[in-house]
Amino acid sequence: MTSQTNALNWFEISVSDIKRAVTFYEAVFGIEMPVQEMMGMQMAYFPSEDMNGKVSGALVQGPMNTPSADGAKIYLNGNPDLANALSKIEAAGGKILMPKTKISDEIGYMAFFTDSEGNTVALHSNN
């Protein structure tokens, strides 16, 4: 990660009722949020331009996404390969919750970890 790259790649806002959440966010922001099932989750996407380097995100209903006052899931930029950052997490006092996992050929890979403070954080990379 350098000053020339985004520190964030993606964000998720956890929801327990995707339809209710989409109705809320569409009303608040005057947007349309297409809903899709991906990897066993229901996802409603904020507007974006197909992975153009600008940060975007989604509302997500799924097993790794529980609504909480503790905050949204933040995906830190793990390019060029998130395996590099993952290999350092446990030595630095964290714990890997989900290893490097392929999302799709177009989107790349993700992983979840607990940081030294107990926060659940995610990584994303294209490879």
C-alpha atoms as a PDB file:
ATOM      1  CA  MET A   1       0.000   0.000   0.000  1.00  0.00           C
ATOM      2  CA  THR A   2       1.391   3.395  -0.973  1.00  0.00           C
ATOM      3  CA  SER A   3       0.163   6.995  -0.955  1.00  0.00           C
ATOM      4  CA  GLN A   4      -0.760   6.521  -4.640  1.00  0.00           C
ATOM      5  CA  THR A   5      -3.283   3.717  -3.914  1.00  0.00           C
ATOM      6  CA  ASN A   6      -6.580   3.721  -2.065  1.00  0.00           C
ATOM      7  CA  ALA A   7      -6.265   2.622   1.552  1.00  0.00           C
ATOM      8  CA  LEU A   8      -9.755   1.126   1.223  1.00  0.00           C
ATOM      9  CA  ASN A   9     -11.045  -1.160  -1.538  1.00  0.00           C
ATOM     10  CA  TRP A  10     -14.566  -1.985  -0.363  1.00  0.00           C
ATOM     11  CA  PHE A  11     -16.958  -1.556   2.557  1.00  0.00           C
ATOM     12  CA  GLU A  12     -19.941  -3.519   3.801  1.00  0.00           C
ATOM     13  CA  ILE A  13     -22.789  -2.427   6.027  1.00  0.00           C
ATOM     14  CA  SER A  14     -24.220  -5.446   7.814  1.00  0.00           C
ATOM     15  CA  VAL A  15     -28.012  -5.883   7.725  1.00  0.00           C
ATOM     16  CA  SER A  16     -30.501  -8.425   9.058  1.00  0.00           C
ATOM     17  CA  ASP A  17     -33.265  -7.670   6.506  1.00  0.00           C
ATOM     18  CA  ILE A  18     -31.887  -6.840   3.048  1.00  0.00           C
ATOM     19  CA  LYS A  19     -35.234  -5.609   1.653  1.00  0.00           C
ATOM     20  CA  ARG A  20     -35.825  -3.238   4.575  1.00  0.00           C
ATOM     21  CA  ALA A  21     -32.238  -1.936   4.403  1.00  0.00           C
ATOM     22  CA  VAL A  22     -32.386  -1.371   0.632  1.00  0.00           C
ATOM     23  CA  THR A  23     -35.635   0.551   1.026  1.00  0.00           C
ATOM     24  CA  PHE A  24     -34.014   2.735   3.693  1.00  0.00           C
ATOM     25  CA  TYR A  25     -30.768   3.505   1.799  1.00  0.00           C
ATOM     26  CA  GLU A  26     -32.524   4.047  -1.524  1.00  0.00           C
ATOM     27  CA  ALA A  27     -34.859   6.521   0.192  1.00  0.00           C
ATOM     28  CA  VAL A  28     -32.131   8.327   2.105  1.00  0.00           C
ATOM     29  CA  PHE A  29     -29.731   8.706  -0.836  1.00  0.00           C
ATOM     30  CA  GLY A  30     -32.088   8.691  -3.818  1.00  0.00           C
ATOM     31  CA  ILE A  31     -30.252   5.759  -5.422  1.00  0.00           C
ATOM     32  CA  GLU A  32     -31.070   2.330  -6.799  1.00  0.00           C
ATOM     33  CA  MET A  33     -29.291  -0.599  -5.178  1.00  0.00           C
ATOM     34  CA  PRO A  34     -29.368  -3.809  -7.216  1.00  0.00           C
ATOM     35  CA  VAL A  35     -29.567  -6.935  -5.050  1.00  0.00           C
ATOM     36  CA  GLN A  36     -27.575 -10.073  -5.866  1.00  0.00           C
ATOM     37  CA  GLU A  37     -26.757 -13.334  -4.114  1.00  0.00           C
ATOM     38  CA  MET A  38     -23.021 -13.988  -3.919  1.00  0.00           C
ATOM     39  CA  MET A  39     -21.155 -16.588  -1.897  1.00  0.00           C
ATOM     40  CA  GLY A  40     -24.270 -17.382   0.189  1.00  0.00           C
ATOM     41  CA  MET A  41     -24.971 -13.722   0.989  1.00  0.00           C
ATOM     42  CA  GLN A  42     -27.569 -11.214  -0.166  1.00  0.00           C
ATOM     43  CA  MET A  43     -25.836  -8.042  -1.328  1.00  0.00           C
ATOM     44  CA  ALA A  44     -27.246  -4.667  -2.410  1.00  0.00           C
ATOM     45  CA  TYR A  45     -24.646  -2.511  -4.143  1.00  0.00           C
ATOM     46  CA  PHE A  46     -24.017   1.204  -3.784  1.00  0.00           C
ATOM     47  CA  PRO A  47     -23.543   2.926  -7.170  1.00  0.00           C
ATOM     48  CA  SER A  48     -20.093   2.444  -8.703  1.00  0.00           C
ATOM     49  CA  GLU A  49     -18.268   2.191 -12.020  1.00  0.00           C
ATOM     50  CA  ASP A  50     -17.110  -1.439 -12.282  1.00  0.00           C
ATOM     51  CA  MET A  51     -14.003  -1.590 -10.104  1.00  0.00           C
ATOM     52  CA  ASN A  52     -12.572   1.687 -11.465  1.00  0.00           C
ATOM     53  CA  GLY A  53     -10.394   2.272  -8.415  1.00  0.00           C
ATOM     54  CA  LYS A  54     -12.934   4.383  -6.528  1.00  0.00           C
ATOM     55  CA  VAL A  55     -14.076   2.928  -3.214  1.00  0.00           C
ATOM     56  CA  SER A  56     -17.625   1.592  -3.084  1.00  0.00           C
ATOM     57  CA  GLY A  57     -19.527  -0.989  -1.075  1.00  0.00           C
ATOM     58  CA  ALA A  58     -22.733  -2.837  -0.326  1.00  0.00           C
ATOM     59  CA  LEU A  59     -25.359  -3.720   2.211  1.00  0.00           C
ATOM     60  CA  VAL A  60     -24.826  -7.374   3.113  1.00  0.00           C
ATOM     61  CA  GLN A  61     -26.998 -10.005   4.770  1.00  0.00           C
ATOM     62  CA  GLY A  62     -24.962 -13.125   5.458  1.00  0.00           C
ATOM     63  CA  PRO A  63     -23.221 -15.300   8.043  1.00  0.00           C
ATOM     64  CA  MET A  64     -20.166 -13.016   8.424  1.00  0.00           C
ATOM     65  CA  ASN A  65     -22.349  -9.887   8.595  1.00  0.00           C
ATOM     66  CA  THR A  66     -24.229  -9.153  11.814  1.00  0.00           C
ATOM     67  CA  PRO A  67     -25.592  -5.655  12.325  1.00  0.00           C
ATOM     68  CA  SER A  68     -23.759  -3.977  15.169  1.00  0.00           C
ATOM     69  CA  ALA A  69     -23.128  -0.563  16.644  1.00  0.00           C
ATOM     70  CA  ASP A  70     -19.482  -1.600  16.480  1.00  0.00           C
ATOM     71  CA  GLY A  71     -19.176  -0.545  12.848  1.00  0.00           C
ATOM     72  CA  ALA A  72     -19.062  -1.620   9.233  1.00  0.00           C
ATOM     73  CA  LYS A  73     -16.647  -4.095   7.662  1.00  0.00           C
ATOM     74  CA  ILE A  74     -13.749  -2.250   6.097  1.00  0.00           C
ATOM     75  CA  TYR A  75     -11.694  -3.937   3.367  1.00  0.00           C
ATOM     76  CA  LEU A  76      -8.151  -2.670   3.349  1.00  0.00           C
ATOM     77  CA  ASN A  77      -6.192  -2.740   0.124  1.00  0.00           C
ATOM     78  CA  GLY A  78      -4.130  -5.943   0.068  1.00  0.00           C
ATOM     79  CA  ASN A  79      -2.778  -5.556  -3.484  1.00  0.00           C
ATOM     80  CA  PRO A  80      -0.814  -6.928  -5.177  1.00  0.00           C
ATOM     81  CA  ASP A  81      -1.607 -10.152  -3.196  1.00  0.00           C
ATOM     82  CA  LEU A  82      -3.357 -10.141   0.183  1.00  0.00           C
ATOM     83  CA  ALA A  83      -1.391 -13.272   1.139  1.00  0.00           C
ATOM     84  CA  ASN A  84       1.524 -10.928   1.887  1.00  0.00           C
ATOM     85  CA  ALA A  85      -0.409  -9.062   4.599  1.00  0.00           C
ATOM     86  CA  LEU A  86      -2.102 -12.245   5.873  1.00  0.00           C
ATOM     87  CA  SER A  87       1.271 -13.850   6.467  1.00  0.00           C
ATOM     88  CA  LYS A  88       2.091 -11.113   9.002  1.00  0.00           C
ATOM     89  CA  ILE A  89      -1.179 -10.947  10.971  1.00  0.00           C
ATOM     90  CA  GLU A  90      -0.625 -13.640  13.605  1.00  0.00           C
ATOM     91  CA  ALA A  91       2.960 -12.596  14.300  1.00  0.00           C
ATOM     92  CA  ALA A  92       1.702  -9.055  14.891  1.00  0.00           C
ATOM     93  CA  GLY A  93      -0.884 -10.236  17.449  1.00  0.00           C
ATOM     94  CA  GLY A  94      -3.943 -10.766  15.268  1.00  0.00           C
ATOM     95  CA  LYS A  95      -5.907 -13.836  14.191  1.00  0.00           C
ATOM     96  CA  ILE A  96      -6.995 -14.923  10.711  1.00  0.00           C
ATOM     97  CA  LEU A  97     -10.747 -15.569  10.721  1.00  0.00           C
ATOM     98  CA  MET A  98     -11.164 -16.427   7.041  1.00  0.00           C
ATOM     99  CA  PRO A  99      -8.139 -17.243   4.863  1.00  0.00           C
ATOM    100  CA  LYS A 100      -7.611 -15.885   1.368  1.00  0.00           C
ATOM    101  CA  THR A 101     -10.826 -16.762  -0.462  1.00  0.00           C
ATOM    102  CA  LYS A 102     -11.653 -16.238  -4.124  1.00  0.00           C
ATOM    103  CA  ILE A 103     -14.703 -14.089  -4.753  1.00  0.00           C
ATOM    104  CA  SER A 104     -14.631 -14.320  -8.567  1.00  0.00           C
ATOM    105  CA  ASP A 105     -12.193 -13.920 -11.463  1.00  0.00           C
ATOM    106  CA  GLU A 106     -13.367 -10.345 -12.012  1.00  0.00           C
ATOM    107  CA  ILE A 107     -13.371  -9.215  -8.375  1.00  0.00           C
ATOM    108  CA  GLY A 108     -10.407 -11.056  -6.855  1.00  0.00           C
ATOM    109  CA  TYR A 109      -9.845 -12.313  -3.306  1.00  0.00           C
ATOM    110  CA  MET A 110     -10.845 -11.514   0.260  1.00  0.00           C
ATOM    111  CA  ALA A 111      -9.905 -12.497   3.816  1.00  0.00           C
ATOM    112  CA  PHE A 112     -11.043 -11.545   7.338  1.00  0.00           C
ATOM    113  CA  PHE A 113      -8.897 -11.106  10.430  1.00  0.00           C
ATOM    114  CA  THR A 114      -9.080  -9.839  13.985  1.00  0.00           C
ATOM    115  CA  ASP A 115      -6.613  -7.063  14.695  1.00  0.00           C
ATOM    116  CA  SER A 116      -4.678  -6.555  17.915  1.00  0.00           C
ATOM    117  CA  GLU A 117      -7.604  -4.605  19.388  1.00  0.00           C
ATOM    118  CA  GLY A 118     -10.287  -7.183  18.623  1.00  0.00           C
ATOM    119  CA  ASN A 119     -11.730  -5.445  15.533  1.00  0.00           C
ATOM    120  CA  THR A 120     -12.841  -7.577  12.614  1.00  0.00           C
ATOM    121  CA  VAL A 121     -11.221  -6.181   9.479  1.00  0.00           C
ATOM    122  CA  ALA A 122     -11.018  -7.483   5.917  1.00  0.00           C
ATOM    123  CA  LEU A 123      -8.513  -7.430   3.081  1.00  0.00           C
ATOM    124  CA  HIS A 124      -9.069  -7.399  -0.670  1.00  0.00           C
ATOM    125  CA  SER A 125      -6.673  -7.954  -3.543  1.00  0.00           C
ATOM    126  CA  ASN A 126      -6.944  -8.664  -7.245  1.00  0.00           C
ATOM    127  CA  ASN A 127      -4.577 -11.653  -6.958  1.00  0.00           C
END
